[in-house]
C-alpha cells in the first residue's frame, strides 16, 4: 500500500492541471485565487511524492517515469496559459510585460525539452548520473513555481496596488529564467563531451 502513495500523488498532480485551468478561466473574483491555490497544491504533491518515495524506499520505475513528465506538463501548460492570457490583456500591464513573459516561457519550455532529451541520451550510454538534478535546478524550480503561482493569482489590490503581484512575479520569472539558462548550460557542458560520433569518450569511461 505504501508503495502506491507516491504514484497516487503524482497522478493527482496530473489531474489537478485541468482543475487550475478551469478556475483560471472562470470569470469570478475568487477564481484567480482558487486557481493559484490548486497550482500550489500540485506543486506540494511534487515535493511530497519524492520525499515519501525516498523515506519509505518505494521508488518504482513507473514513478521515476511519471514524476518528471507530470512536472513538465504542469509547468508548460501553466506557462502557455499565462502567455495567452497576458497577451490578450496586455493593455492592463506595462508595455512589454507579455513579451518578457513569452520570452521567459519559451526559454524555460525549450530547456525542459533539451535537458529531457539529454538525460535520455545520457541514460542510454550509462551516464545518467552526470546530469542528475543539481542545486541550481532545484532553486530554479522553486522560484519558477512561486512566479507561476503569483502570475495565476495576479491580485491587483492586495496590500499594494498597480499590479504589484504580477510585476513581482515577473521579476521572479526573470530570476528563474536566468537559473534555467545556467542549469541548461551546465548540463550541456557535462554532456557535450560524450557527443562525439564514434562514442570514443563514452568507451574510455
N, C-alpha and C. Protein backbone atom coordinates (compact mmCIF):
# COMPACT_ATOMS: atom_id res chain seq x y z
N UNK A 1 0.82 -1.21 0.00
CA UNK A 1 0.00 0.00 0.00
C UNK A 1 0.86 1.27 0.00
N UNK A 2 1.91 1.28 0.85
CA UNK A 2 2.78 2.45 0.91
C UNK A 2 3.44 2.72 -0.43
N UNK A 3 3.75 1.66 -1.15
CA UNK A 3 4.44 1.80 -2.43
C UNK A 3 3.62 2.59 -3.42
N UNK A 4 2.30 2.55 -3.28
CA UNK A 4 1.43 3.20 -4.25
C UNK A 4 1.22 4.68 -3.97
N UNK A 5 1.41 5.13 -2.73
CA UNK A 5 1.08 6.51 -2.36
C UNK A 5 1.85 7.54 -3.17
N UNK A 6 3.18 7.43 -3.34
CA UNK A 6 3.88 8.42 -4.16
C UNK A 6 3.35 8.49 -5.59
N UNK A 7 3.03 7.34 -6.18
CA UNK A 7 2.49 7.33 -7.54
C UNK A 7 1.10 7.94 -7.59
N UNK A 8 0.32 7.71 -6.55
CA UNK A 8 -1.02 8.32 -6.47
C UNK A 8 -0.90 9.84 -6.41
N UNK A 9 0.06 10.34 -5.65
CA UNK A 9 0.28 11.78 -5.56
C UNK A 9 0.72 12.35 -6.91
N UNK A 10 1.54 11.61 -7.62
CA UNK A 10 1.97 12.06 -8.95
C UNK A 10 0.79 12.12 -9.91
N UNK A 11 -0.06 11.09 -9.87
CA UNK A 11 -1.26 11.09 -10.72
C UNK A 11 -2.19 12.23 -10.33
N UNK A 12 -2.29 12.51 -9.03
CA UNK A 12 -3.12 13.62 -8.57
C UNK A 12 -2.62 14.93 -9.16
N UNK A 13 -1.31 15.09 -9.25
CA UNK A 13 -0.75 16.31 -9.83
C UNK A 13 -1.20 16.47 -11.29
N UNK A 14 -1.22 15.38 -12.01
CA UNK A 14 -1.68 15.43 -13.41
C UNK A 14 -3.15 15.81 -13.48
N UNK A 15 -3.97 15.23 -12.61
CA UNK A 15 -5.40 15.50 -12.62
C UNK A 15 -5.72 16.93 -12.18
N UNK A 16 -4.83 17.54 -11.40
CA UNK A 16 -5.05 18.92 -10.95
C UNK A 16 -4.80 19.95 -12.04
N UNK A 17 -4.12 19.56 -13.10
CA UNK A 17 -3.81 20.51 -14.18
C UNK A 17 -5.08 21.09 -14.80
N UNK A 18 -6.03 20.27 -15.27
CA UNK A 18 -7.26 20.87 -15.83
C UNK A 18 -8.08 21.62 -14.79
N UNK A 19 -7.91 21.27 -13.51
CA UNK A 19 -8.66 21.96 -12.46
C UNK A 19 -8.20 23.40 -12.34
N UNK A 20 -6.88 23.64 -12.29
CA UNK A 20 -6.44 25.03 -12.16
C UNK A 20 -6.66 25.81 -13.45
N UNK A 21 -6.69 25.12 -14.59
CA UNK A 21 -7.02 25.81 -15.84
C UNK A 21 -8.46 26.30 -15.82
N UNK A 22 -9.37 25.44 -15.39
CA UNK A 22 -10.79 25.82 -15.33
C UNK A 22 -11.00 26.99 -14.39
N UNK A 23 -10.42 26.92 -13.19
CA UNK A 23 -10.54 28.03 -12.24
C UNK A 23 -9.96 29.31 -12.82
N UNK A 24 -8.84 29.20 -13.50
CA UNK A 24 -8.18 30.37 -14.08
C UNK A 24 -9.06 31.08 -15.10
N UNK A 25 -9.84 30.31 -15.83
CA UNK A 25 -10.66 30.87 -16.91
C UNK A 25 -12.05 31.31 -16.45
N UNK A 26 -12.43 30.96 -15.23
CA UNK A 26 -13.75 31.37 -14.74
C UNK A 26 -13.79 32.89 -14.51
N UNK A 27 -14.91 33.53 -14.82
CA UNK A 27 -15.00 35.00 -14.72
C UNK A 27 -15.46 35.49 -13.35
N UNK A 28 -14.86 34.97 -12.29
CA UNK A 28 -15.25 35.38 -10.94
C UNK A 28 -14.05 35.98 -10.22
N UNK A 29 -14.33 36.81 -9.22
CA UNK A 29 -13.25 37.47 -8.49
C UNK A 29 -12.38 36.47 -7.72
N UNK A 30 -13.00 35.40 -7.26
CA UNK A 30 -12.27 34.42 -6.45
C UNK A 30 -11.55 33.38 -7.28
N UNK A 31 -11.81 33.33 -8.58
CA UNK A 31 -11.29 32.22 -9.39
C UNK A 31 -9.77 32.24 -9.52
N UNK A 32 -9.17 33.44 -9.56
CA UNK A 32 -7.71 33.51 -9.67
C UNK A 32 -7.04 32.90 -8.44
N UNK A 33 -7.55 33.27 -7.28
CA UNK A 33 -7.00 32.72 -6.04
C UNK A 33 -7.19 31.22 -5.98
N UNK A 34 -8.36 30.74 -6.41
CA UNK A 34 -8.62 29.30 -6.41
C UNK A 34 -7.66 28.57 -7.35
N UNK A 35 -7.43 29.16 -8.53
CA UNK A 35 -6.51 28.54 -9.49
C UNK A 35 -5.09 28.49 -8.93
N UNK A 36 -4.66 29.59 -8.29
CA UNK A 36 -3.32 29.63 -7.70
C UNK A 36 -3.21 28.61 -6.57
N UNK A 37 -4.27 28.48 -5.79
CA UNK A 37 -4.27 27.52 -4.67
C UNK A 37 -4.13 26.09 -5.18
N UNK A 38 -4.87 25.77 -6.23
CA UNK A 38 -4.79 24.41 -6.80
C UNK A 38 -3.39 24.17 -7.37
N UNK A 39 -2.82 25.20 -8.01
CA UNK A 39 -1.47 25.05 -8.56
C UNK A 39 -0.45 24.80 -7.45
N UNK A 40 -0.60 25.52 -6.34
CA UNK A 40 0.31 25.33 -5.20
C UNK A 40 0.17 23.92 -4.64
N UNK A 41 -1.06 23.41 -4.55
CA UNK A 41 -1.26 22.03 -4.09
C UNK A 41 -0.55 21.05 -5.02
N UNK A 42 -0.67 21.30 -6.32
CA UNK A 42 0.01 20.43 -7.29
C UNK A 42 1.52 20.47 -7.07
N UNK A 43 2.06 21.66 -6.81
CA UNK A 43 3.49 21.78 -6.53
C UNK A 43 3.87 21.03 -5.25
N UNK A 44 3.00 21.11 -4.26
CA UNK A 44 3.26 20.42 -2.99
C UNK A 44 3.30 18.91 -3.18
N UNK A 45 2.44 18.38 -4.04
CA UNK A 45 2.47 16.94 -4.30
C UNK A 45 3.79 16.53 -4.93
N UNK A 46 4.40 17.45 -5.68
CA UNK A 46 5.70 17.16 -6.28
C UNK A 46 6.76 16.96 -5.20
N UNK A 47 6.73 17.81 -4.18
CA UNK A 47 7.67 17.66 -3.07
C UNK A 47 7.37 16.41 -2.25
N UNK A 48 6.08 16.18 -2.00
CA UNK A 48 5.68 15.11 -1.10
C UNK A 48 5.92 13.73 -1.69
N UNK A 49 5.63 13.55 -2.97
CA UNK A 49 5.78 12.21 -3.54
C UNK A 49 7.25 11.77 -3.56
N UNK A 50 8.14 12.72 -3.88
CA UNK A 50 9.56 12.38 -3.86
C UNK A 50 10.07 12.09 -2.46
N UNK A 51 9.61 12.91 -1.51
CA UNK A 51 10.03 12.72 -0.11
C UNK A 51 9.58 11.36 0.42
N UNK A 52 8.32 11.01 0.17
CA UNK A 52 7.78 9.74 0.67
C UNK A 52 8.45 8.55 -0.01
N UNK A 53 8.70 8.69 -1.31
CA UNK A 53 9.34 7.59 -2.03
C UNK A 53 10.73 7.30 -1.47
N UNK A 54 11.46 8.37 -1.15
CA UNK A 54 12.80 8.18 -0.58
C UNK A 54 12.74 7.68 0.86
N UNK A 55 11.82 8.24 1.64
CA UNK A 55 11.72 7.86 3.05
C UNK A 55 11.32 6.40 3.21
N UNK A 56 10.34 5.99 2.43
CA UNK A 56 9.84 4.62 2.54
C UNK A 56 10.59 3.64 1.63
N UNK A 57 11.50 4.19 0.81
CA UNK A 57 12.29 3.37 -0.11
C UNK A 57 11.38 2.55 -1.02
N UNK A 58 10.44 3.27 -1.63
CA UNK A 58 9.47 2.60 -2.50
C UNK A 58 9.51 3.18 -3.91
N UNK A 59 10.69 3.59 -4.36
CA UNK A 59 10.82 4.13 -5.71
C UNK A 59 10.47 3.05 -6.73
N UNK A 60 9.68 3.42 -7.72
CA UNK A 60 9.26 2.47 -8.75
C UNK A 60 9.63 3.01 -10.12
N UNK A 61 9.70 2.12 -11.10
CA UNK A 61 10.00 2.54 -12.46
C UNK A 61 8.89 3.43 -13.00
N UNK A 62 7.65 3.08 -12.66
CA UNK A 62 6.52 3.90 -13.10
C UNK A 62 6.61 5.30 -12.53
N UNK A 63 6.92 5.42 -11.25
CA UNK A 63 7.04 6.72 -10.62
C UNK A 63 8.20 7.51 -11.17
N UNK A 64 9.33 6.83 -11.42
CA UNK A 64 10.50 7.50 -11.97
C UNK A 64 10.21 8.07 -13.36
N UNK A 65 9.34 7.39 -14.10
CA UNK A 65 8.95 7.90 -15.42
C UNK A 65 7.91 9.02 -15.31
N UNK A 66 6.87 8.78 -14.51
CA UNK A 66 5.74 9.70 -14.49
C UNK A 66 6.04 11.01 -13.77
N UNK A 67 6.85 10.99 -12.73
CA UNK A 67 7.09 12.19 -11.93
C UNK A 67 7.65 13.34 -12.75
N UNK A 68 8.75 13.17 -13.50
CA UNK A 68 9.24 14.29 -14.29
C UNK A 68 8.30 14.69 -15.42
N UNK A 69 7.58 13.71 -15.96
CA UNK A 69 6.61 14.03 -17.01
C UNK A 69 5.50 14.91 -16.46
N UNK A 70 4.99 14.56 -15.28
CA UNK A 70 3.93 15.36 -14.64
C UNK A 70 4.42 16.77 -14.34
N UNK A 71 5.66 16.89 -13.86
CA UNK A 71 6.22 18.21 -13.56
C UNK A 71 6.27 19.08 -14.80
N UNK A 72 6.76 18.52 -15.89
CA UNK A 72 6.93 19.30 -17.11
C UNK A 72 5.58 19.69 -17.72
N UNK A 73 4.63 18.77 -17.68
CA UNK A 73 3.29 19.10 -18.19
C UNK A 73 2.67 20.21 -17.36
N UNK A 74 2.79 20.11 -16.04
CA UNK A 74 2.21 21.10 -15.14
C UNK A 74 2.78 22.49 -15.42
N UNK A 75 4.09 22.58 -15.56
CA UNK A 75 4.74 23.87 -15.77
C UNK A 75 4.47 24.41 -17.17
N UNK A 76 4.64 23.56 -18.18
CA UNK A 76 4.48 24.02 -19.56
C UNK A 76 3.05 24.47 -19.86
N UNK A 77 2.08 23.72 -19.37
CA UNK A 77 0.68 24.10 -19.56
C UNK A 77 0.39 25.44 -18.89
N UNK A 78 0.90 25.62 -17.67
CA UNK A 78 0.69 26.88 -16.95
C UNK A 78 1.32 28.05 -17.70
N UNK A 79 2.52 27.86 -18.22
CA UNK A 79 3.19 28.94 -18.94
C UNK A 79 2.45 29.32 -20.22
N UNK A 80 2.02 28.32 -20.97
CA UNK A 80 1.26 28.60 -22.20
C UNK A 80 -0.03 29.32 -21.86
N UNK A 81 -0.70 28.88 -20.82
CA UNK A 81 -1.94 29.51 -20.37
C UNK A 81 -1.71 30.97 -19.99
N UNK A 82 -0.65 31.23 -19.25
CA UNK A 82 -0.35 32.59 -18.79
C UNK A 82 0.05 33.49 -19.95
N UNK A 83 0.85 32.98 -20.86
CA UNK A 83 1.25 33.77 -22.03
C UNK A 83 0.02 34.18 -22.83
N UNK A 84 -0.90 33.24 -23.04
CA UNK A 84 -2.12 33.55 -23.77
C UNK A 84 -2.95 34.61 -23.07
N UNK A 85 -3.08 34.49 -21.74
CA UNK A 85 -3.92 35.44 -21.00
C UNK A 85 -3.31 36.82 -20.97
N UNK A 86 -2.03 36.92 -20.64
CA UNK A 86 -1.40 38.23 -20.54
C UNK A 86 -1.25 38.89 -21.91
N UNK A 87 -1.13 38.10 -22.97
CA UNK A 87 -1.08 38.67 -24.32
C UNK A 87 -2.43 39.26 -24.69
N UNK A 88 -3.51 38.63 -24.22
CA UNK A 88 -4.85 39.13 -24.51
C UNK A 88 -5.23 40.33 -23.65
N UNK A 89 -4.51 40.54 -22.54
CA UNK A 89 -4.81 41.65 -21.62
C UNK A 89 -3.60 42.56 -21.45
N UNK A 90 -2.81 42.71 -22.51
CA UNK A 90 -1.56 43.46 -22.41
C UNK A 90 -1.77 44.93 -22.06
N UNK A 91 -2.94 45.47 -22.39
CA UNK A 91 -3.20 46.88 -22.10
C UNK A 91 -3.34 47.15 -20.60
N UNK A 92 -3.58 46.10 -19.81
CA UNK A 92 -3.73 46.26 -18.36
C UNK A 92 -2.39 46.29 -17.62
N UNK A 93 -1.31 46.02 -18.34
CA UNK A 93 0.00 45.94 -17.71
C UNK A 93 0.99 46.81 -18.47
N UNK A 94 2.17 47.00 -17.90
CA UNK A 94 3.11 47.92 -18.53
C UNK A 94 3.58 47.34 -19.87
N UNK A 95 3.97 48.22 -20.79
CA UNK A 95 4.40 47.76 -22.12
C UNK A 95 5.56 46.76 -22.02
N UNK A 96 5.43 45.70 -22.75
CA UNK A 96 6.48 44.69 -22.77
C UNK A 96 6.29 43.55 -21.79
N UNK A 97 5.29 43.65 -20.91
CA UNK A 97 5.07 42.61 -19.90
C UNK A 97 4.86 41.25 -20.57
N UNK A 98 3.93 41.20 -21.51
CA UNK A 98 3.61 39.92 -22.15
C UNK A 98 4.77 39.43 -23.00
N UNK A 99 5.53 40.36 -23.58
CA UNK A 99 6.68 39.96 -24.40
C UNK A 99 7.76 39.30 -23.54
N UNK A 100 8.04 39.93 -22.38
CA UNK A 100 9.04 39.37 -21.47
C UNK A 100 8.60 38.00 -20.98
N UNK A 101 7.32 37.89 -20.61
CA UNK A 101 6.80 36.61 -20.13
C UNK A 101 6.89 35.54 -21.23
N UNK A 102 6.60 35.93 -22.46
CA UNK A 102 6.67 34.98 -23.57
C UNK A 102 8.09 34.49 -23.79
N UNK A 103 9.06 35.41 -23.75
CA UNK A 103 10.46 35.03 -23.94
C UNK A 103 10.91 34.08 -22.83
N UNK A 104 10.56 34.43 -21.59
CA UNK A 104 10.92 33.56 -20.46
C UNK A 104 10.31 32.17 -20.62
N UNK A 105 9.05 32.13 -21.05
CA UNK A 105 8.36 30.85 -21.20
C UNK A 105 8.99 30.00 -22.29
N UNK A 106 9.34 30.64 -23.40
CA UNK A 106 9.98 29.91 -24.50
C UNK A 106 11.31 29.31 -24.04
N UNK A 107 12.09 30.09 -23.30
CA UNK A 107 13.38 29.60 -22.80
C UNK A 107 13.19 28.43 -21.84
N UNK A 108 12.23 28.58 -20.92
CA UNK A 108 12.00 27.52 -19.92
C UNK A 108 11.50 26.24 -20.58
N UNK A 109 10.53 26.36 -21.48
CA UNK A 109 9.99 25.17 -22.15
C UNK A 109 11.05 24.52 -23.03
N UNK A 110 11.83 25.35 -23.73
CA UNK A 110 12.90 24.81 -24.58
C UNK A 110 13.93 24.06 -23.75
N UNK A 111 14.26 24.62 -22.60
CA UNK A 111 15.22 23.97 -21.71
C UNK A 111 14.72 22.60 -21.27
N UNK A 112 13.42 22.53 -20.94
CA UNK A 112 12.86 21.25 -20.50
C UNK A 112 12.98 20.19 -21.59
N UNK A 113 12.74 20.60 -22.83
CA UNK A 113 12.83 19.66 -23.95
C UNK A 113 14.27 19.21 -24.16
N UNK A 114 15.19 20.18 -24.17
CA UNK A 114 16.60 19.88 -24.42
C UNK A 114 17.18 18.97 -23.34
N UNK A 115 16.94 19.33 -22.07
CA UNK A 115 17.53 18.56 -20.97
C UNK A 115 16.88 17.18 -20.85
N UNK A 116 15.59 17.09 -21.15
CA UNK A 116 14.94 15.77 -21.14
C UNK A 116 15.58 14.86 -22.18
N UNK A 117 15.82 15.41 -23.37
CA UNK A 117 16.47 14.63 -24.43
C UNK A 117 17.89 14.26 -24.03
N UNK A 118 18.61 15.22 -23.42
CA UNK A 118 19.98 14.95 -22.99
C UNK A 118 20.03 13.84 -21.94
N UNK A 119 19.12 13.91 -20.96
CA UNK A 119 19.11 12.88 -19.91
C UNK A 119 18.78 11.50 -20.47
N UNK A 120 17.85 11.46 -21.41
CA UNK A 120 17.51 10.17 -22.01
C UNK A 120 18.71 9.60 -22.76
N UNK A 121 19.41 10.47 -23.49
CA UNK A 121 20.57 10.01 -24.24
C UNK A 121 21.69 9.59 -23.30
N UNK A 122 21.93 10.36 -22.25
CA UNK A 122 22.98 10.01 -21.28
C UNK A 122 22.67 8.70 -20.58
N UNK A 123 21.38 8.44 -20.36
CA UNK A 123 20.98 7.17 -19.75
C UNK A 123 21.32 6.00 -20.66
N UNK A 124 21.16 6.21 -21.97
CA UNK A 124 21.45 5.14 -22.93
C UNK A 124 22.92 4.75 -22.93
N UNK A 125 23.80 5.71 -22.62
CA UNK A 125 25.23 5.40 -22.60
C UNK A 125 25.73 5.16 -21.18
N UNK A 126 24.78 5.06 -20.23
CA UNK A 126 25.15 4.73 -18.86
C UNK A 126 25.73 5.88 -18.06
N UNK A 127 25.40 7.11 -18.45
CA UNK A 127 25.95 8.29 -17.77
C UNK A 127 24.85 9.18 -17.19
N UNK A 128 23.71 8.60 -16.89
CA UNK A 128 22.57 9.39 -16.42
C UNK A 128 22.89 10.17 -15.15
N UNK A 129 23.71 9.61 -14.29
CA UNK A 129 24.02 10.28 -13.03
C UNK A 129 24.76 11.59 -13.19
N UNK A 130 25.43 11.77 -14.33
CA UNK A 130 26.19 13.01 -14.56
C UNK A 130 25.29 14.21 -14.80
N UNK A 131 24.04 13.96 -15.17
CA UNK A 131 23.10 15.06 -15.42
C UNK A 131 21.92 14.96 -14.46
N UNK A 132 22.18 14.50 -13.26
CA UNK A 132 21.14 14.47 -12.24
C UNK A 132 20.80 15.89 -11.82
N UNK A 133 19.66 16.05 -11.16
CA UNK A 133 19.20 17.38 -10.75
C UNK A 133 20.23 18.02 -9.80
N UNK A 134 20.62 19.26 -10.10
CA UNK A 134 21.60 19.98 -9.29
C UNK A 134 20.90 20.99 -8.39
N UNK A 135 21.68 21.64 -7.52
CA UNK A 135 21.08 22.65 -6.64
C UNK A 135 20.56 23.83 -7.44
N UNK A 136 21.21 24.13 -8.57
CA UNK A 136 20.72 25.22 -9.43
C UNK A 136 19.34 24.87 -9.97
N UNK A 137 19.19 23.62 -10.42
CA UNK A 137 17.90 23.19 -10.93
C UNK A 137 16.82 23.21 -9.88
N UNK A 138 17.18 22.87 -8.64
CA UNK A 138 16.19 22.89 -7.55
C UNK A 138 15.74 24.31 -7.23
N UNK A 139 16.69 25.24 -7.18
CA UNK A 139 16.33 26.64 -6.94
C UNK A 139 15.52 27.20 -8.11
N UNK A 140 15.90 26.82 -9.31
CA UNK A 140 15.15 27.26 -10.49
C UNK A 140 13.70 26.82 -10.40
N UNK A 141 13.50 25.57 -10.03
CA UNK A 141 12.15 25.03 -9.92
C UNK A 141 11.34 25.74 -8.85
N UNK A 142 11.94 25.96 -7.68
CA UNK A 142 11.23 26.62 -6.58
C UNK A 142 10.81 28.04 -6.94
N UNK A 143 11.74 28.82 -7.49
CA UNK A 143 11.43 30.21 -7.86
C UNK A 143 10.43 30.24 -9.00
N UNK A 144 10.57 29.32 -9.94
CA UNK A 144 9.65 29.23 -11.07
C UNK A 144 8.23 28.96 -10.60
N UNK A 145 8.06 28.06 -9.65
CA UNK A 145 6.73 27.73 -9.13
C UNK A 145 6.11 28.93 -8.42
N UNK A 146 6.92 29.66 -7.64
CA UNK A 146 6.41 30.86 -6.98
C UNK A 146 5.97 31.90 -7.99
N UNK A 147 6.76 32.07 -9.04
CA UNK A 147 6.43 33.05 -10.08
C UNK A 147 5.12 32.69 -10.78
N UNK A 148 4.98 31.43 -11.13
CA UNK A 148 3.76 30.99 -11.83
C UNK A 148 2.54 31.16 -10.94
N UNK A 149 2.66 30.77 -9.67
CA UNK A 149 1.53 30.92 -8.74
C UNK A 149 1.13 32.38 -8.61
N UNK A 150 2.12 33.27 -8.52
CA UNK A 150 1.82 34.70 -8.41
C UNK A 150 1.17 35.25 -9.66
N UNK A 151 1.61 34.80 -10.82
CA UNK A 151 1.02 35.26 -12.08
C UNK A 151 -0.40 34.73 -12.25
N UNK A 152 -0.65 33.53 -11.76
CA UNK A 152 -2.01 33.00 -11.82
C UNK A 152 -2.94 33.80 -10.91
N UNK A 153 -2.46 34.12 -9.72
CA UNK A 153 -3.28 34.89 -8.78
C UNK A 153 -3.43 36.33 -9.25
N UNK A 154 -2.30 36.99 -9.50
CA UNK A 154 -2.21 38.37 -10.02
C UNK A 154 -3.21 39.33 -9.37
N UNK A 155 -3.33 39.27 -8.04
CA UNK A 155 -4.24 40.19 -7.34
C UNK A 155 -3.75 41.63 -7.50
N UNK A 156 -4.66 42.53 -7.88
CA UNK A 156 -4.28 43.92 -8.14
C UNK A 156 -4.40 44.81 -6.92
N UNK A 157 -5.12 44.38 -5.93
CA UNK A 157 -5.44 45.27 -4.81
C UNK A 157 -4.86 44.82 -3.47
N UNK A 158 -4.37 43.58 -3.37
CA UNK A 158 -3.90 43.06 -2.09
C UNK A 158 -2.64 43.80 -1.63
N UNK A 159 -2.71 44.42 -0.47
CA UNK A 159 -1.60 45.15 0.16
C UNK A 159 -1.23 46.39 -0.63
N UNK A 160 -0.76 46.22 -1.86
CA UNK A 160 -0.40 47.35 -2.70
C UNK A 160 -1.30 47.34 -3.94
N UNK A 161 -1.15 48.37 -4.75
CA UNK A 161 -1.93 48.46 -5.98
C UNK A 161 -1.00 48.36 -7.19
N UNK A 162 -1.55 48.74 -8.34
CA UNK A 162 -0.76 48.82 -9.57
C UNK A 162 -0.11 47.50 -9.97
N UNK A 163 -0.87 46.42 -9.89
CA UNK A 163 -0.39 45.13 -10.38
C UNK A 163 0.92 44.68 -9.73
N UNK A 164 1.11 45.01 -8.47
CA UNK A 164 2.38 44.69 -7.82
C UNK A 164 2.68 43.20 -7.81
N UNK A 165 1.61 42.38 -7.65
CA UNK A 165 1.85 40.94 -7.58
C UNK A 165 2.33 40.39 -8.91
N UNK A 166 1.70 40.83 -9.99
CA UNK A 166 2.11 40.38 -11.31
C UNK A 166 3.53 40.86 -11.63
N UNK A 167 3.84 42.10 -11.25
CA UNK A 167 5.17 42.64 -11.52
C UNK A 167 6.25 41.90 -10.73
N UNK A 168 5.98 41.63 -9.46
CA UNK A 168 6.93 40.89 -8.64
C UNK A 168 7.10 39.47 -9.17
N UNK A 169 6.00 38.87 -9.60
CA UNK A 169 6.06 37.50 -10.12
C UNK A 169 6.86 37.45 -11.42
N UNK A 170 6.72 38.49 -12.25
CA UNK A 170 7.50 38.53 -13.48
C UNK A 170 8.99 38.67 -13.16
N UNK A 171 9.31 39.45 -12.13
CA UNK A 171 10.71 39.57 -11.70
C UNK A 171 11.25 38.21 -11.26
N UNK A 172 10.45 37.47 -10.50
CA UNK A 172 10.85 36.12 -10.10
C UNK A 172 11.01 35.22 -11.31
N UNK A 173 10.15 35.41 -12.31
CA UNK A 173 10.26 34.62 -13.53
C UNK A 173 11.58 34.90 -14.26
N UNK A 174 12.01 36.15 -14.23
CA UNK A 174 13.29 36.50 -14.83
C UNK A 174 14.44 35.82 -14.10
N UNK A 175 14.35 35.79 -12.77
CA UNK A 175 15.37 35.09 -11.97
C UNK A 175 15.37 33.60 -12.31
N UNK A 176 14.17 33.02 -12.38
CA UNK A 176 14.05 31.59 -12.70
C UNK A 176 14.60 31.30 -14.10
N UNK A 177 14.36 32.22 -15.04
CA UNK A 177 14.87 32.04 -16.40
C UNK A 177 16.39 32.09 -16.43
N UNK A 178 16.96 32.99 -15.64
CA UNK A 178 18.43 33.07 -15.56
C UNK A 178 19.00 31.76 -15.02
N UNK A 179 18.37 31.22 -13.98
CA UNK A 179 18.82 29.93 -13.43
C UNK A 179 18.57 28.80 -14.42
N UNK A 180 17.51 28.94 -15.22
CA UNK A 180 17.21 27.95 -16.25
C UNK A 180 18.35 27.87 -17.26
N UNK A 181 18.80 29.04 -17.72
CA UNK A 181 19.90 29.09 -18.68
C UNK A 181 21.17 28.53 -18.05
N UNK A 182 21.43 28.92 -16.81
CA UNK A 182 22.62 28.45 -16.09
C UNK A 182 22.62 26.93 -15.99
N UNK A 183 21.50 26.37 -15.55
CA UNK A 183 21.45 24.91 -15.38
C UNK A 183 21.55 24.20 -16.72
N UNK A 184 20.91 24.75 -17.76
CA UNK A 184 20.97 24.12 -19.07
C UNK A 184 22.40 24.09 -19.60
N UNK A 185 23.10 25.21 -19.47
CA UNK A 185 24.48 25.28 -19.95
C UNK A 185 25.36 24.30 -19.17
N UNK A 186 25.17 24.24 -17.85
CA UNK A 186 25.99 23.34 -17.03
C UNK A 186 25.76 21.88 -17.41
N UNK A 187 24.50 21.51 -17.70
CA UNK A 187 24.22 20.14 -18.11
C UNK A 187 24.82 19.84 -19.48
N UNK A 188 24.70 20.81 -20.39
CA UNK A 188 25.22 20.60 -21.74
C UNK A 188 26.74 20.50 -21.75
N UNK A 189 27.40 21.29 -20.90
CA UNK A 189 28.86 21.22 -20.80
C UNK A 189 29.29 19.82 -20.37
N UNK A 190 28.54 19.24 -19.44
CA UNK A 190 28.85 17.88 -18.98
C UNK A 190 28.59 16.86 -20.09
N UNK A 191 27.46 17.02 -20.79
CA UNK A 191 27.06 16.02 -21.76
C UNK A 191 27.75 16.11 -23.10
N UNK A 192 28.22 17.31 -23.46
CA UNK A 192 28.70 17.50 -24.83
C UNK A 192 29.95 16.70 -25.14
N UNK A 193 30.75 16.41 -24.11
CA UNK A 193 31.99 15.66 -24.37
C UNK A 193 31.71 14.20 -24.70
N UNK A 194 30.46 13.75 -24.48
CA UNK A 194 30.08 12.38 -24.82
C UNK A 194 29.36 12.31 -26.16
N UNK A 195 29.32 13.44 -26.86
CA UNK A 195 28.52 13.51 -28.08
C UNK A 195 29.35 13.32 -29.35
N UNK A 196 30.57 12.83 -29.24
CA UNK A 196 31.35 12.56 -30.44
C UNK A 196 30.71 11.40 -31.20
N UNK A 197 30.84 11.44 -32.49
CA UNK A 197 30.12 10.50 -33.35
C UNK A 197 30.52 9.04 -33.13
N UNK A 198 31.80 8.81 -32.81
CA UNK A 198 32.23 7.41 -32.69
C UNK A 198 32.08 6.84 -31.30
N UNK A 199 31.64 7.72 -30.32
CA UNK A 199 31.40 7.25 -28.97
C UNK A 199 32.68 6.93 -28.22
N UNK A 200 33.81 7.50 -28.69
CA UNK A 200 35.09 7.17 -28.07
C UNK A 200 35.15 7.63 -26.63
N UNK A 201 34.57 8.80 -26.32
CA UNK A 201 34.62 9.30 -24.94
C UNK A 201 33.87 8.37 -24.00
N UNK A 202 32.69 7.92 -24.46
CA UNK A 202 31.90 7.02 -23.62
C UNK A 202 32.64 5.71 -23.39
N UNK A 203 33.35 5.22 -24.44
CA UNK A 203 34.04 3.96 -24.28
C UNK A 203 35.24 4.07 -23.36
N UNK A 204 35.87 5.27 -23.31
CA UNK A 204 37.01 5.47 -22.43
C UNK A 204 36.62 5.38 -20.97
N UNK A 205 35.41 5.84 -20.66
CA UNK A 205 34.96 5.83 -19.28
C UNK A 205 34.38 4.48 -18.93
